Amino acid sequence: MIETKNILELFKPIVKEVLESMLKEEREIYLENNPPTKGNGFYERDLKTAFGELTAIRVPRTRDNGFKSALLPYRKRITEDLDALIRAMLISGMSTRKIAEVLKSFMK
């Protein structure tokens, strides 16, 4: 029998990928609404989730330093709501691409 902890470990890379994709999309929306600025790479953060600790999450930044993520507020290291939402969608059988689309629609 597979333990719940092991199952959650399997989802860590998927959750990280979806989160990074959502963060990039969030920055794109910011850049569309703030035309003079441009993207300026990424910085890395760690985040404790129900899936375990996600390390080296690539968080996008902008040249004007004005982009602030609604998904990962400044200095927030633990998330609960996002975990519950992503977990429910994964369990229901949604693909990671579809999950990213759904979460993107919430950001608009």
PDB file of N, CA and C in Angstrom:
ATOM      1  N   MET A   1       0.839  -1.185   0.000  1.00  0.00           N
ATOM      2  CA  MET A   1       0.000   0.000   0.000  1.00  0.00           C
ATOM      3  C   MET A   1       0.883   1.248   0.000  1.00  0.00           C
ATOM      4  N   ILE A   2       0.537   2.186  -0.833  1.00  0.00           N
ATOM      5  CA  ILE A   2       1.309   3.423  -0.938  1.00  0.00           C
ATOM      6  C   ILE A   2       0.867   4.375   0.163  1.00  0.00           C
ATOM      7  N   GLU A   3       1.830   4.937   0.855  1.00  0.00           N
ATOM      8  CA  GLU A   3       1.519   5.874   1.927  1.00  0.00           C
ATOM      9  C   GLU A   3       1.150   7.234   1.349  1.00  0.00           C
ATOM     10  N   THR A   4       0.297   7.955   2.072  1.00  0.00           N
ATOM     11  CA  THR A   4      -0.115   9.286   1.646  1.00  0.00           C
ATOM     12  C   THR A   4       1.081  10.203   1.483  1.00  0.00           C
ATOM     13  N   LYS A   5       2.044  10.090   2.378  1.00  0.00           N
ATOM     14  CA  LYS A   5       3.233  10.940   2.311  1.00  0.00           C
ATOM     15  C   LYS A   5       3.977  10.724   0.996  1.00  0.00           C
ATOM     16  N   ASN A   6       4.089   9.471   0.564  1.00  0.00           N
ATOM     17  CA  ASN A   6       4.768   9.167  -0.695  1.00  0.00           C
ATOM     18  C   ASN A   6       4.003   9.712  -1.893  1.00  0.00           C
ATOM     19  N   ILE A   7       2.686   9.637  -1.849  1.00  0.00           N
ATOM     20  CA  ILE A   7       1.870  10.171  -2.935  1.00  0.00           C
ATOM     21  C   ILE A   7       2.066  11.676  -3.037  1.00  0.00           C
ATOM     22  N   LEU A   8       2.055  12.356  -1.900  1.00  0.00           N
ATOM     23  CA  LEU A   8       2.254  13.805  -1.914  1.00  0.00           C
ATOM     24  C   LEU A   8       3.629  14.164  -2.459  1.00  0.00           C
ATOM     25  N   GLU A   9       4.634  13.344  -2.163  1.00  0.00           N
ATOM     26  CA  GLU A   9       5.985  13.569  -2.697  1.00  0.00           C
ATOM     27  C   GLU A   9       5.980  13.523  -4.219  1.00  0.00           C
ATOM     28  N   LEU A  10       5.176  12.627  -4.778  1.00  0.00           N
ATOM     29  CA  LEU A  10       5.105  12.504  -6.233  1.00  0.00           C
ATOM     30  C   LEU A  10       4.547  13.766  -6.884  1.00  0.00           C
ATOM     31  N   PHE A  11       3.685  14.479  -6.166  1.00  0.00           N
ATOM     32  CA  PHE A  11       3.059  15.673  -6.725  1.00  0.00           C
ATOM     33  C   PHE A  11       3.924  16.924  -6.609  1.00  0.00           C
ATOM     34  N   LYS A  12       4.969  16.886  -5.795  1.00  0.00           N
ATOM     35  CA  LYS A  12       5.794  18.085  -5.594  1.00  0.00           C
ATOM     36  C   LYS A  12       6.312  18.694  -6.894  1.00  0.00           C
ATOM     37  N   PRO A  13       6.895  17.905  -7.795  1.00  0.00           N
ATOM     38  CA  PRO A  13       7.384  18.525  -9.033  1.00  0.00           C
ATOM     39  C   PRO A  13       6.260  19.111  -9.883  1.00  0.00           C
ATOM     40  N   ILE A  14       5.099  18.467  -9.860  1.00  0.00           N
ATOM     41  CA  ILE A  14       3.959  18.967 -10.630  1.00  0.00           C
ATOM     42  C   ILE A  14       3.479  20.281 -10.045  1.00  0.00           C
ATOM     43  N   VAL A  15       3.345  20.333  -8.726  1.00  0.00           N
ATOM     44  CA  VAL A  15       2.895  21.554  -8.056  1.00  0.00           C
ATOM     45  C   VAL A  15       3.880  22.685  -8.319  1.00  0.00           C
ATOM     46  N   LYS A  16       5.164  22.383  -8.241  1.00  0.00           N
ATOM     47  CA  LYS A  16       6.188  23.405  -8.496  1.00  0.00           C
ATOM     48  C   LYS A  16       6.079  23.924  -9.927  1.00  0.00           C
ATOM     49  N   GLU A  17       5.915  23.014 -10.876  1.00  0.00           N
ATOM     50  CA  GLU A  17       5.801  23.405 -12.284  1.00  0.00           C
ATOM     51  C   GLU A  17       4.574  24.281 -12.519  1.00  0.00           C
ATOM     52  N   VAL A  18       3.434  23.876 -11.962  1.00  0.00           N
ATOM     53  CA  VAL A  18       2.199  24.649 -12.121  1.00  0.00           C
ATOM     54  C   VAL A  18       2.350  26.018 -11.470  1.00  0.00           C
ATOM     55  N   LEU A  19       2.911  26.066 -10.280  1.00  0.00           N
ATOM     56  CA  LEU A  19       3.089  27.331  -9.573  1.00  0.00           C
ATOM     57  C   LEU A  19       3.998  28.275 -10.356  1.00  0.00           C
ATOM     58  N   GLU A  20       5.117  27.767 -10.859  1.00  0.00           N
ATOM     59  CA  GLU A  20       6.029  28.608 -11.640  1.00  0.00           C
ATOM     60  C   GLU A  20       5.355  29.109 -12.915  1.00  0.00           C
ATOM     61  N   SER A  21       4.567  28.261 -13.543  1.00  0.00           N
ATOM     62  CA  SER A  21       3.833  28.656 -14.743  1.00  0.00           C
ATOM     63  C   SER A  21       2.837  29.769 -14.427  1.00  0.00           C
ATOM     64  N   MET A  22       2.141  29.628 -13.301  1.00  0.00           N
ATOM     65  CA  MET A  22       1.173  30.646 -12.894  1.00  0.00           C
ATOM     66  C   MET A  22       1.868  31.961 -12.559  1.00  0.00           C
ATOM     67  N   LEU A  23       3.024  31.887 -11.919  1.00  0.00           N
ATOM     68  CA  LEU A  23       3.770  33.098 -11.579  1.00  0.00           C
ATOM     69  C   LEU A  23       4.224  33.824 -12.844  1.00  0.00           C
ATOM     70  N   LYS A  24       4.677  33.066 -13.847  1.00  0.00           N
ATOM     71  CA  LYS A  24       5.081  33.684 -15.117  1.00  0.00           C
ATOM     72  C   LYS A  24       3.894  34.370 -15.781  1.00  0.00           C
ATOM     73  N   GLU A  25       2.745  33.700 -15.765  1.00  0.00           N
ATOM     74  CA  GLU A  25       1.545  34.283 -16.364  1.00  0.00           C
ATOM     75  C   GLU A  25       1.113  35.535 -15.604  1.00  0.00           C
ATOM     76  N   GLU A  26       1.231  35.487 -14.293  1.00  0.00           N
ATOM     77  CA  GLU A  26       0.892  36.648 -13.469  1.00  0.00           C
ATOM     78  C   GLU A  26       1.790  37.833 -13.841  1.00  0.00           C
ATOM     79  N   ARG A  27       3.083  37.566 -14.069  1.00  0.00           N
ATOM     80  CA  ARG A  27       3.994  38.642 -14.476  1.00  0.00           C
ATOM     81  C   ARG A  27       3.627  39.161 -15.864  1.00  0.00           C
ATOM     82  N   GLU A  28       3.245  38.273 -16.767  1.00  0.00           N
ATOM     83  CA  GLU A  28       2.851  38.706 -18.112  1.00  0.00           C
ATOM     84  C   GLU A  28       1.665  39.662 -18.055  1.00  0.00           C
ATOM     85  N   ILE A  29       0.708  39.357 -17.196  1.00  0.00           N
ATOM     86  CA  ILE A  29      -0.445  40.246 -17.023  1.00  0.00           C
ATOM     87  C   ILE A  29       0.025  41.600 -16.509  1.00  0.00           C
ATOM     88  N   TYR A  30       0.948  41.599 -15.548  1.00  0.00           N
ATOM     89  CA  TYR A  30       1.505  42.848 -15.021  1.00  0.00           C
ATOM     90  C   TYR A  30       2.193  43.633 -16.138  1.00  0.00           C
ATOM     91  N   LEU A  31       2.994  42.948 -16.957  1.00  0.00           N
ATOM     92  CA  LEU A  31       3.727  43.624 -18.031  1.00  0.00           C
ATOM     93  C   LEU A  31       2.777  44.210 -19.074  1.00  0.00           C
ATOM     94  N   GLU A  32       1.679  43.515 -19.367  1.00  0.00           N
ATOM     95  CA  GLU A  32       0.688  44.036 -20.311  1.00  0.00           C
ATOM     96  C   GLU A  32       0.050  45.312 -19.785  1.00  0.00           C
ATOM     97  N   ASN A  33      -0.147  45.391 -18.486  1.00  0.00           N
ATOM     98  CA  ASN A  33      -0.782  46.562 -17.880  1.00  0.00           C
ATOM     99  C   ASN A  33       0.199  47.681 -17.554  1.00  0.00           C
ATOM    100  N   ASN A  34       1.488  47.421 -17.677  1.00  0.00           N
ATOM    101  CA  ASN A  34       2.534  48.407 -17.384  1.00  0.00           C
ATOM    102  C   ASN A  34       3.545  48.397 -18.534  1.00  0.00           C
ATOM    103  N   PRO A  35       3.150  48.937 -19.714  1.00  0.00           N
ATOM    104  CA  PRO A  35       3.935  48.792 -20.935  1.00  0.00           C
ATOM    105  C   PRO A  35       5.404  49.222 -20.886  1.00  0.00           C
ATOM    106  N   PRO A  36       5.794  50.251 -20.181  1.00  0.00           N
ATOM    107  CA  PRO A  36       7.209  50.617 -20.297  1.00  0.00           C
ATOM    108  C   PRO A  36       8.168  49.611 -19.655  1.00  0.00           C
ATOM    109  N   THR A  37       7.716  48.839 -18.706  1.00  0.00           N
ATOM    110  CA  THR A  37       8.634  47.932 -18.008  1.00  0.00           C
ATOM    111  C   THR A  37       8.763  46.601 -18.739  1.00  0.00           C
ATOM    112  N   LYS A  38       9.785  45.855 -18.385  1.00  0.00           N
ATOM    113  CA  LYS A  38      10.055  44.552 -18.994  1.00  0.00           C
ATOM    114  C   LYS A  38      10.401  43.545 -17.898  1.00  0.00           C
ATOM    115  N   GLY A  39      10.377  42.277 -18.272  1.00  0.00           N
ATOM    116  CA  GLY A  39      10.793  41.230 -17.348  1.00  0.00           C
ATOM    117  C   GLY A  39      12.289  41.325 -17.081  1.00  0.00           C
ATOM    118  N   ASN A  40      12.697  40.861 -15.914  1.00  0.00           N
ATOM    119  CA  ASN A  40      14.110  40.933 -15.540  1.00  0.00           C
ATOM    120  C   ASN A  40      14.539  39.648 -14.834  1.00  0.00           C
ATOM    121  N   GLY A  41      14.268  38.524 -15.461  1.00  0.00           N
ATOM    122  CA  GLY A  41      14.727  37.262 -14.905  1.00  0.00           C
ATOM    123  C   GLY A  41      13.889  36.754 -13.745  1.00  0.00           C
ATOM    124  N   PHE A  42      14.555  36.010 -12.884  1.00  0.00           N
ATOM    125  CA  PHE A  42      13.884  35.330 -11.780  1.00  0.00           C
ATOM    126  C   PHE A  42      14.761  35.370 -10.540  1.00  0.00           C
ATOM    127  N   TYR A  43      14.130  35.168  -9.390  1.00  0.00           N
ATOM    128  CA  TYR A  43      14.873  34.882  -8.165  1.00  0.00           C
ATOM    129  C   TYR A  43      14.257  33.621  -7.576  1.00  0.00           C
ATOM    130  N   GLU A  44      14.954  32.989  -6.673  1.00  0.00           N
ATOM    131  CA  GLU A  44      14.476  31.719  -6.131  1.00  0.00           C
ATOM    132  C   GLU A  44      13.973  31.870  -4.705  1.00  0.00           C
ATOM    133  N   ARG A  45      12.901  31.124  -4.415  1.00  0.00           N
ATOM    134  CA  ARG A  45      12.310  31.087  -3.076  1.00  0.00           C
ATOM    135  C   ARG A  45      11.967  29.656  -2.725  1.00  0.00           C
ATOM    136  N   ASP A  46      11.862  29.415  -1.442  1.00  0.00           N
ATOM    137  CA  ASP A  46      11.372  28.129  -0.948  1.00  0.00           C
ATOM    138  C   ASP A  46       9.982  28.357  -0.375  1.00  0.00           C
ATOM    139  N   LEU A  47       9.161  27.317  -0.419  1.00  0.00           N
ATOM    140  CA  LEU A  47       7.797  27.435   0.067  1.00  0.00           C
ATOM    141  C   LEU A  47       7.389  26.121   0.710  1.00  0.00           C
ATOM    142  N   LYS A  48       6.850  26.198   1.912  1.00  0.00           N
ATOM    143  CA  LYS A  48       6.351  25.003   2.598  1.00  0.00           C
ATOM    144  C   LYS A  48       4.880  24.836   2.250  1.00  0.00           C
ATOM    145  N   THR A  49       4.556  23.657   1.740  1.00  0.00           N
ATOM    146  CA  THR A  49       3.190  23.363   1.332  1.00  0.00           C
ATOM    147  C   THR A  49       2.751  22.042   1.950  1.00  0.00           C
ATOM    148  N   ALA A  50       1.501  21.695   1.726  1.00  0.00           N
ATOM    149  CA  ALA A  50       1.007  20.399   2.188  1.00  0.00           C
ATOM    150  C   ALA A  50       1.688  19.258   1.440  1.00  0.00           C
ATOM    151  N   PHE A  51       2.299  19.564   0.304  1.00  0.00           N
ATOM    152  CA  PHE A  51       3.009  18.560  -0.484  1.00  0.00           C
ATOM    153  C   PHE A  51       4.448  18.401  -0.024  1.00  0.00           C
ATOM    154  N   GLY A  52       4.867  19.202   0.918  1.00  0.00           N
ATOM    155  CA  GLY A  52       6.249  19.215   1.373  1.00  0.00           C
ATOM    156  C   GLY A  52       6.893  20.531   0.977  1.00  0.00           C
ATOM    157  N   GLU A  53       8.167  20.670   1.255  1.00  0.00           N
ATOM    158  CA  GLU A  53       8.852  21.921   0.931  1.00  0.00           C
ATOM    159  C   GLU A  53       9.236  21.941  -0.543  1.00  0.00           C
ATOM    160  N   LEU A  54       8.804  22.990  -1.217  1.00  0.00           N
ATOM    161  CA  LEU A  54       9.196  23.208  -2.606  1.00  0.00           C
ATOM    162  C   LEU A  54      10.402  24.127  -2.573  1.00  0.00           C
ATOM    163  N   THR A  55      11.509  23.669  -3.115  1.00  0.00           N
ATOM    164  CA  THR A  55      12.733  24.461  -3.069  1.00  0.00           C
ATOM    165  C   THR A  55      13.038  25.060  -4.434  1.00  0.00           C
ATOM    166  N   ALA A  56      13.702  26.188  -4.397  1.00  0.00           N
ATOM    167  CA  ALA A  56      14.174  26.878  -5.603  1.00  0.00           C
ATOM    168  C   ALA A  56      13.050  27.164  -6.591  1.00  0.00           C
ATOM    169  N   ILE A  57      11.931  27.680  -6.085  1.00  0.00           N
ATOM    170  CA  ILE A  57      10.852  28.113  -6.969  1.00  0.00           C
ATOM    171  C   ILE A  57      11.339  29.364  -7.689  1.00  0.00           C
ATOM    172  N   ARG A  58      11.223  29.354  -9.011  1.00  0.00           N
ATOM    173  CA  ARG A  58      11.664  30.501  -9.812  1.00  0.00           C
ATOM    174  C   ARG A  58      10.548  31.541  -9.851  1.00  0.00           C
ATOM    175  N   VAL A  59      10.760  32.636  -9.129  1.00  0.00           N
ATOM    176  CA  VAL A  59       9.777  33.714  -9.053  1.00  0.00           C
ATOM    177  C   VAL A  59      10.208  34.815 -10.014  1.00  0.00           C
ATOM    178  N   PRO A  60       9.346  35.181 -10.975  1.00  0.00           N
ATOM    179  CA  PRO A  60       9.724  36.212 -11.934  1.00  0.00           C
ATOM    180  C   PRO A  60       9.793  37.595 -11.292  1.00  0.00           C
ATOM    181  N   ARG A  61      10.608  38.460 -11.900  1.00  0.00           N
ATOM    182  CA  ARG A  61      10.692  39.842 -11.435  1.00  0.00           C
ATOM    183  C   ARG A  61      10.692  40.765 -12.648  1.00  0.00           C
ATOM    184  N   THR A  62      10.543  42.054 -12.387  1.00  0.00           N
ATOM    185  CA  THR A  62      10.522  43.051 -13.458  1.00  0.00           C
ATOM    186  C   THR A  62      11.604  44.093 -13.217  1.00  0.00           C
ATOM    187  N   ARG A  63      11.937  44.805 -14.283  1.00  0.00           N
ATOM    188  CA  ARG A  63      12.984  45.823 -14.173  1.00  0.00           C
ATOM    189  C   ARG A  63      12.602  46.947 -13.226  1.00  0.00           C
ATOM    190  N   ASP A  64      11.310  47.308 -13.223  1.00  0.00           N
ATOM    191  CA  ASP A  64      10.886  48.403 -12.344  1.00  0.00           C
ATOM    192  C   ASP A  64      10.657  47.942 -10.910  1.00  0.00           C
ATOM    193  N   ASN A  65      10.819  46.650 -10.661  1.00  0.00           N
ATOM    194  CA  ASN A  65      10.630  46.057  -9.329  1.00  0.00           C
ATOM    195  C   ASN A  65       9.216  46.275  -8.796  1.00  0.00           C
ATOM    196  N   GLY A  66       8.268  46.509  -9.704  1.00  0.00           N
ATOM    197  CA  GLY A  66       6.894  46.777  -9.289  1.00  0.00           C
ATOM    198  C   GLY A  66       6.013  45.546  -9.233  1.00  0.00           C
ATOM    199  N   PHE A  67       6.460  44.449  -9.824  1.00  0.00           N
ATOM    200  CA  PHE A  67       5.643  43.239  -9.845  1.00  0.00           C
ATOM    201  C   PHE A  67       5.624  42.589  -8.472  1.00  0.00           C
ATOM    202  N   LYS A  68       4.424  42.423  -7.933  1.00  0.00           N
ATOM    203  CA  LYS A  68       4.221  41.734  -6.652  1.00  0.00           C
ATOM    204  C   LYS A  68       3.202  40.623  -6.894  1.00  0.00           C
ATOM    205  N   SER A  69       3.587  39.410  -6.641  1.00  0.00           N
ATOM    206  CA  SER A  69       2.727  38.263  -6.896  1.00  0.00           C
ATOM    207  C   SER A  69       1.586  38.182  -5.887  1.00  0.00           C
ATOM    208  N   ALA A  70       0.385  37.958  -6.404  1.00  0.00           N
ATOM    209  CA  ALA A  70      -0.762  37.719  -5.524  1.00  0.00           C
ATOM    210  C   ALA A  70      -0.743  36.275  -5.023  1.00  0.00           C
ATOM    211  N   LEU A  71      -0.114  35.386  -5.800  1.00  0.00           N
ATOM    212  CA  LEU A  71      -0.043  33.975  -5.408  1.00  0.00           C
ATOM    213  C   LEU A  71       0.960  33.736  -4.291  1.00  0.00           C
ATOM    214  N   LEU A  72       2.082  34.441  -4.358  1.00  0.00           N
ATOM    215  CA  LEU A  72       3.139  34.302  -3.354  1.00  0.00           C
ATOM    216  C   LEU A  72       3.448  35.674  -2.765  1.00  0.00           C
ATOM    217  N   PRO A  73       2.663  36.115  -1.817  1.00  0.00           N
ATOM    218  CA  PRO A  73       2.940  37.420  -1.220  1.00  0.00           C
ATOM    219  C   PRO A  73       4.351  37.493  -0.641  1.00  0.00           C
ATOM    220  N   TYR A  74       4.879  38.692  -0.616  1.00  0.00           N
ATOM    221  CA  TYR A  74       6.230  38.942  -0.131  1.00  0.00           C
ATOM    222  C   TYR A  74       6.442  38.305   1.237  1.00  0.00           C
ATOM    223  N   ARG A  75       7.509  37.567   1.372  1.00  0.00           N
ATOM    224  CA  ARG A  75       7.937  36.903   2.608  1.00  0.00           C
ATOM    225  C   ARG A  75       7.036  35.763   3.078  1.00  0.00           C
ATOM    226  N   LYS A  76       6.004  35.441   2.340  1.00  0.00           N
ATOM    227  CA  LYS A  76       5.151  34.322   2.751  1.00  0.00           C
ATOM    228  C   LYS A  76       5.862  33.024   2.392  1.00  0.00           C
ATOM    229  N   ARG A  77       6.040  32.171   3.362  1.00  0.00           N
ATOM    230  CA  ARG A  77       6.776  30.928   3.165  1.00  0.00           C
ATOM    231  C   ARG A  77       5.896  29.690   3.297  1.00  0.00           C
ATOM    232  N   ILE A  78       4.665  29.878   3.737  1.00  0.00           N
ATOM    233  CA  ILE A  78       3.752  28.745   3.930  1.00  0.00           C
ATOM    234  C   ILE A  78       2.426  29.088   3.258  1.00  0.00           C
ATOM    235  N   THR A  79       1.872  28.146   2.520  1.00  0.00           N
ATOM    236  CA  THR A  79       0.600  28.389   1.857  1.00  0.00           C
ATOM    237  C   THR A  79      -0.376  27.255   2.171  1.00  0.00           C
ATOM    238  N   GLU A  80      -1.616  27.605   2.374  1.00  0.00           N
ATOM    239  CA  GLU A  80      -2.642  26.600   2.651  1.00  0.00           C
ATOM    240  C   GLU A  80      -3.730  26.606   1.583  1.00  0.00           C
ATOM    241  N   ASP A  81      -4.248  27.782   1.239  1.00  0.00           N
ATOM    242  CA  ASP A  81      -5.360  27.880   0.298  1.00  0.00           C
ATOM    243  C   ASP A  81      -4.990  27.362  -1.083  1.00  0.00           C
ATOM    244  N   LEU A  82      -3.829  27.759  -1.564  1.00  0.00           N
ATOM    245  CA  LEU A  82      -3.386  27.317  -2.879  1.00  0.00           C
ATOM    246  C   LEU A  82      -3.213  25.802  -2.898  1.00  0.00           C
ATOM    247  N   ASP A  83      -2.669  25.248  -1.828  1.00  0.00           N
ATOM    248  CA  ASP A  83      -2.513  23.791  -1.726  1.00  0.00           C
ATOM    249  C   ASP A  83      -3.851  23.083  -1.866  1.00  0.00           C
ATOM    250  N   ALA A  84      -4.827  23.555  -1.118  1.00  0.00           N
ATOM    251  CA  ALA A  84      -6.133  22.900  -1.113  1.00  0.00           C
ATOM    252  C   ALA A  84      -6.758  22.938  -2.507  1.00  0.00           C
ATOM    253  N   LEU A  85      -6.643  24.064  -3.177  1.00  0.00           N
ATOM    254  CA  LEU A  85      -7.217  24.204  -4.506  1.00  0.00           C
ATOM    255  C   LEU A  85      -6.515  23.295  -5.518  1.00  0.00           C
ATOM    256  N   ILE A  86      -5.190  23.329  -5.542  1.00  0.00           N
ATOM    257  CA  ILE A  86      -4.440  22.503  -6.490  1.00  0.00           C
ATOM    258  C   ILE A  86      -4.657  21.019  -6.207  1.00  0.00           C
ATOM    259  N   ARG A  87      -4.650  20.648  -4.942  1.00  0.00           N
ATOM    260  CA  ARG A  87      -4.858  19.241  -4.578  1.00  0.00           C
ATOM    261  C   ARG A  87      -6.228  18.759  -5.049  1.00  0.00           C
ATOM    262  N   ALA A  88      -7.259  19.576  -4.847  1.00  0.00           N
ATOM    263  CA  ALA A  88      -8.602  19.182  -5.274  1.00  0.00           C
ATOM    264  C   ALA A  88      -8.667  18.993  -6.789  1.00  0.00           C
ATOM    265  N   MET A  89      -8.008  19.873  -7.524  1.00  0.00           N
ATOM    266  CA  MET A  89      -8.023  19.752  -8.984  1.00  0.00           C
ATOM    267  C   MET A  89      -7.231  18.532  -9.455  1.00  0.00           C
ATOM    268  N   LEU A  90      -6.085  18.265  -8.828  1.00  0.00           N
ATOM    269  CA  LEU A  90      -5.292  17.087  -9.203  1.00  0.00           C
ATOM    270  C   LEU A  90      -6.057  15.798  -8.917  1.00  0.00           C
ATOM    271  N   ILE A  91      -6.687  15.731  -7.761  1.00  0.00           N
ATOM    272  CA  ILE A  91      -7.432  14.533  -7.375  1.00  0.00           C
ATOM    273  C   ILE A  91      -8.617  14.308  -8.306  1.00  0.00           C
ATOM    274  N   SER A  92      -9.220  15.408  -8.789  1.00  0.00           N
ATOM    275  CA  SER A  92     -10.361  15.265  -9.693  1.00  0.00           C
ATOM    276  C   SER A  92      -9.944  14.838 -11.095  1.00  0.00           C
ATOM    277  N   GLY A  93      -8.622  14.767 -11.336  1.00  0.00           N
ATOM    278  CA  GLY A  93      -8.141  14.261 -12.614  1.00  0.00           C
ATOM    279  C   GLY A  93      -7.779  15.323 -13.630  1.00  0.00           C
ATOM    280  N   MET A  94      -7.744  16.577 -13.226  1.00  0.00           N
ATOM    281  CA  MET A  94      -7.395  17.643 -14.168  1.00  0.00           C
ATOM    282  C   MET A  94      -5.914  17.573 -14.534  1.00  0.00           C
ATOM    283  N   SER A  95      -5.612  17.927 -15.774  1.00  0.00           N
ATOM    284  CA  SER A  95      -4.213  17.968 -16.212  1.00  0.00           C
ATOM    285  C   SER A  95      -3.553  19.227 -15.651  1.00  0.00           C
ATOM    286  N   THR A  96      -2.227  19.220 -15.611  1.00  0.00           N
ATOM    287  CA  THR A  96      -1.519  20.400 -15.095  1.00  0.00           C
ATOM    288  C   THR A  96      -1.778  21.608 -15.980  1.00  0.00           C
ATOM    289  N   ARG A  97      -1.905  21.395 -17.277  1.00  0.00           N
ATOM    290  CA  ARG A  97      -2.203  22.510 -18.190  1.00  0.00           C
ATOM    291  C   ARG A  97      -3.573  23.112 -17.882  1.00  0.00           C
ATOM    292  N   LYS A  98      -4.563  22.255 -17.657  1.00  0.00           N
ATOM    293  CA  LYS A  98      -5.914  22.730 -17.348  1.00  0.00           C
ATOM    294  C   LYS A  98      -5.934  23.445 -15.994  1.00  0.00           C
ATOM    295  N   ILE A  99      -5.189  22.914 -15.027  1.00  0.00           N
ATOM    296  CA  ILE A  99      -5.103  23.566 -13.716  1.00  0.00           C
ATOM    297  C   ILE A  99      -4.526  24.965 -13.870  1.00  0.00           C
ATOM    298  N   ALA A 100      -3.469  25.102 -14.665  1.00  0.00           N
ATOM    299  CA  ALA A 100      -2.862  26.417 -14.885  1.00  0.00           C
ATOM    300  C   ALA A 100      -3.864  27.373 -15.523  1.00  0.00           C
ATOM    301  N   GLU A 101      -4.671  26.875 -16.481  1.00  0.00           N
ATOM    302  CA  GLU A 101      -5.681  27.716 -17.124  1.00  0.00           C
ATOM    303  C   GLU A 101      -6.734  28.177 -16.121  1.00  0.00           C
ATOM    304  N   VAL A 102      -7.192  27.260 -15.275  1.00  0.00           N
ATOM    305  CA  VAL A 102      -8.207  27.606 -14.271  1.00  0.00           C
ATOM    306  C   VAL A 102      -7.666  28.649 -13.300  1.00  0.00           C
ATOM    307  N   LEU A 103      -6.467  28.419 -12.788  1.00  0.00           N
ATOM    308  CA  LEU A 103      -5.896  29.353 -11.827  1.00  0.00           C
ATOM    309  C   LEU A 103      -5.595  30.699 -12.475  1.00  0.00           C
ATOM    310  N   LYS A 104      -5.227  30.678 -13.754  1.00  0.00           N
ATOM    311  CA  LYS A 104      -4.971  31.924 -14.476  1.00  0.00           C
ATOM    312  C   LYS A 104      -6.255  32.748 -14.574  1.00  0.00           C
ATOM    313  N   SER A 105      -7.390  32.074 -14.774  1.00  0.00           N
ATOM    314  CA  SER A 105      -8.657  32.794 -14.894  1.00  0.00           C
ATOM    315  C   SER A 105      -9.027  33.497 -13.589  1.00  0.00           C
ATOM    316  N   PHE A 106      -8.569  32.976 -12.445  1.00  0.00           N
ATOM    317  CA  PHE A 106      -8.825  33.625 -11.161  1.00  0.00           C
ATOM    318  C   PHE A 106      -8.029  34.912 -11.011  1.00  0.00           C
ATOM    319  N   MET A 107      -6.891  34.999 -11.690  1.00  0.00           N
ATOM    320  CA  MET A 107      -6.015  36.159 -11.538  1.00  0.00           C
ATOM    321  C   MET A 107      -6.479  37.354 -12.351  1.00  0.00           C
ATOM    322  N   LYS A 108      -7.354  37.140 -13.320  1.00  0.00           N
ATOM    323  CA  LYS A 108      -7.780  38.242 -14.195  1.00  0.00           C
ATOM    324  C   LYS A 108      -8.772  39.134 -13.521  1.00  0.00           C
TER     325      LYS A 108
END
